Protein backbone atom coordinates (compact mmCIF):
# COMPACT_ATOMS: atom_id res chain seq x y z
CA MET A 1 24.55 4.22 8.85
CA ILE A 2 25.68 1.96 11.61
CA ASP A 3 29.49 1.89 12.03
CA GLY A 4 29.84 0.61 15.51
CA SER A 5 30.70 3.92 17.12
CA GLU A 6 28.19 4.96 19.73
CA GLU A 7 29.65 8.46 19.69
CA ARG A 8 28.27 9.03 16.19
CA VAL A 9 24.80 7.71 16.95
CA ARG A 10 22.16 10.47 17.16
CA TRP A 11 19.98 8.81 19.81
CA LEU A 12 16.40 9.82 19.97
CA ASP A 13 15.43 12.21 22.68
CA ASP A 14 12.20 11.72 24.70
CA GLU A 15 10.04 13.76 22.27
CA GLU A 16 11.48 12.00 19.24
CA MET A 17 11.05 8.57 20.96
CA ALA A 18 7.45 9.35 21.75
CA ALA A 19 6.79 10.30 18.11
CA TRP A 20 8.54 7.24 16.87
CA ARG A 21 6.65 4.84 19.20
CA SER A 22 3.33 6.53 18.57
CA TYR A 23 3.93 6.06 14.87
CA THR A 24 5.08 2.45 15.04
CA GLU A 25 2.36 1.26 17.38
CA GLY A 26 -0.39 3.41 15.83
CA SER A 27 0.35 2.38 12.28
CA ALA A 28 0.59 -1.29 13.26
CA LEU A 29 -2.71 -1.08 15.12
CA LEU A 30 -4.36 0.81 12.24
CA GLU A 31 -3.19 -1.58 9.57
CA HIS A 32 -4.18 -4.60 11.64
CA ARG A 33 -7.67 -3.18 12.20
CA LEU A 34 -8.27 -2.17 8.59
CA ASN A 35 -6.96 -5.54 7.42
CA ARG A 36 -9.18 -7.41 9.84
CA GLU A 37 -12.29 -5.45 8.88
CA LEU A 38 -11.58 -5.68 5.11
CA HIS A 39 -10.89 -9.47 5.34
CA ALA A 40 -13.94 -10.11 7.49
CA ALA A 41 -16.31 -8.20 5.24
CA HIS A 42 -14.84 -8.93 1.81
CA ASP A 43 -12.16 -11.66 2.13
CA LEU A 44 -9.52 -9.17 0.88
CA SER A 45 -6.31 -8.03 2.54
CA ILE A 46 -5.31 -4.39 2.43
CA ALA A 47 -2.54 -5.34 0.00
CA ASP A 48 -5.04 -7.03 -2.32
CA TYR A 49 -7.44 -4.09 -2.02
CA GLU A 50 -4.61 -1.63 -2.90
CA ILE A 51 -3.73 -3.64 -6.08
CA LEU A 52 -7.34 -3.66 -7.13
CA VAL A 53 -7.64 0.13 -6.54
CA ARG A 54 -4.45 0.81 -8.49
CA LEU A 55 -5.51 -1.28 -11.42
CA SER A 56 -8.93 0.36 -11.45
CA GLU A 57 -7.28 3.72 -11.80
CA GLN A 58 -5.24 2.73 -14.89
CA PRO A 59 -6.31 3.07 -18.52
CA ASP A 60 -7.96 -0.19 -19.58
CA ARG A 61 -7.59 -1.35 -15.91
CA GLN A 62 -4.12 -2.72 -16.56
CA GLN A 63 -0.54 -2.00 -15.55
CA ARG A 64 2.87 -3.53 -16.03
CA MET A 65 3.56 -5.71 -13.06
CA SER A 66 6.96 -4.09 -12.37
CA GLU A 67 5.31 -0.65 -12.31
CA LEU A 68 2.52 -1.96 -10.06
CA ALA A 69 5.13 -3.41 -7.70
CA LYS A 70 6.81 0.03 -7.50
CA ASP A 71 3.50 1.85 -6.97
CA VAL A 72 2.48 -0.25 -4.05
CA ALA A 73 6.02 -0.54 -2.68
CA HIS A 74 6.26 -4.35 -2.95
CA SER A 75 9.07 -6.48 -4.36
CA LYS A 76 8.60 -8.12 -7.72
CA SER A 77 8.32 -11.56 -6.06
CA ARG A 78 5.74 -10.35 -3.61
CA ILE A 79 3.55 -8.69 -6.26
CA SER A 80 3.79 -11.88 -8.39
CA HIS A 81 2.62 -13.93 -5.43
CA GLN A 82 -0.24 -11.50 -4.74
CA ILE A 83 -1.32 -11.45 -8.37
CA ARG A 84 -1.30 -15.22 -8.46
CA ARG A 85 -3.71 -15.28 -5.48
CA LEU A 86 -5.86 -12.62 -7.14
CA GLU A 87 -5.82 -14.64 -10.36
CA ASN A 88 -7.03 -17.72 -8.51
CA ALA A 89 -9.92 -15.68 -7.14
CA GLU A 90 -10.53 -14.43 -10.75
CA LEU A 91 -10.10 -10.86 -9.64
CA VAL A 92 -7.05 -10.17 -11.82
CA ARG A 93 -5.49 -11.85 -14.85
CA ARG A 94 -2.15 -11.56 -16.50
CA ASN A 95 -1.58 -10.58 -20.09
CA ASP A 96 1.63 -10.32 -22.08
CA CYS A 97 2.68 -6.77 -22.66
CA PRO A 98 2.26 -5.92 -26.34
CA ASP A 99 5.11 -3.41 -26.31
CA ASP A 100 7.62 -5.69 -24.65
CA GLY A 101 7.70 -9.44 -24.98
CA ARG A 102 9.32 -9.71 -21.56
CA GLY A 103 6.76 -7.60 -19.85
CA VAL A 104 3.62 -8.81 -18.13
CA LEU A 105 0.48 -6.82 -17.48
CA ALA A 106 -1.83 -7.28 -14.52
CA VAL A 107 -5.42 -6.67 -15.63
CA LEU A 108 -8.37 -6.04 -13.37
CA THR A 109 -11.25 -8.39 -14.37
CA ASP A 110 -14.92 -7.52 -14.28
CA ARG A 111 -15.25 -9.64 -11.24
CA GLY A 112 -12.35 -7.81 -9.63
CA GLU A 113 -14.05 -4.48 -10.25
CA GLU A 114 -17.25 -5.74 -8.74
CA VAL A 115 -15.52 -6.92 -5.63
CA LEU A 116 -13.72 -3.60 -5.39
CA ARG A 117 -16.92 -1.64 -5.73
CA ALA A 118 -18.52 -3.74 -3.03
CA ALA A 119 -15.55 -3.39 -0.64
CA ALA A 120 -14.81 0.35 -1.17
CA PRO A 121 -17.64 1.90 0.91
CA SER A 122 -17.01 -0.07 4.09
CA HIS A 123 -13.23 0.24 3.73
CA VAL A 124 -13.39 4.04 3.20
CA ALA A 125 -15.77 4.24 6.20
CA SER A 126 -13.08 2.33 8.23
CA VAL A 127 -10.28 4.56 7.09
CA ARG A 128 -12.38 7.61 8.06
CA GLU A 129 -13.36 6.18 11.44
CA HIS A 130 -9.96 5.05 12.46
CA LEU A 131 -7.75 7.77 10.98
CA ILE A 132 -9.10 10.56 8.85
CA ASP A 133 -11.88 11.75 11.13
CA LEU A 134 -9.46 11.93 14.09
CA LEU A 135 -7.42 14.57 12.35
CA GLU A 136 -7.91 18.25 12.23
CA PRO A 137 -7.57 19.84 8.71
CA ALA A 138 -4.04 21.14 9.43
CA GLU A 139 -2.97 17.70 10.73
CA LYS A 140 -4.12 16.03 7.48
CA GLN A 141 -1.87 18.44 5.59
CA VAL A 142 1.03 17.76 7.85
CA LEU A 143 0.56 13.96 7.68
CA ALA A 144 0.42 14.14 3.85
CA ALA A 145 3.54 16.35 3.69
CA VAL A 146 5.56 14.19 6.13
CA PHE A 147 4.81 10.88 4.36
CA GLU A 148 5.32 12.48 0.91
CA ARG A 149 8.88 13.32 2.16
CA VAL A 150 9.34 9.79 3.52
CA ARG A 151 8.07 8.22 0.35
CA THR A 152 10.32 10.40 -1.82
CA ARG A 153 13.37 9.80 0.29
CA LEU A 154 12.89 6.03 0.30
CA ARG A 155 12.01 5.77 -3.35
CA ASP A 156 14.99 7.89 -4.31
CA HIS A 157 17.23 5.65 -2.28
CA ALA A 158 15.45 2.39 -3.06
CA GLU A 159 17.37 -0.95 -2.92
CA PRO A 160 17.94 -2.65 -6.25
């Protein structure tokens, strides 16, 4: 927490700064490349693709929008905007939640599933080329463990 006192700041040493900068630049470059390739080939963003994937994994290809927002780490307003765009493309539709009159379900359409099936092979190939195949088996385990800790920490301390 920032309290204005430099004496309490745990500044990054050279090794930590190198790790941080490698992460920030590498993740930005990776996301940009994957997004560009997915958009060029299938007119989808990574965020759109991830929503389609998450819905395809759900029973009946549907999920409450609030849960979907949490699963993809987006705000409710951002997920609503994305779902609206996906609805306009007829990849997703909204249904009222039968268990809760206030709830809304995002539902993957047949067209959405077709688009996902068409996009998946090239996207997975890109993920392999630009990340997975660059890692040794032990590095994959470390990467998964590190980001599981990050995800857990940030979800446990999520902003309202």
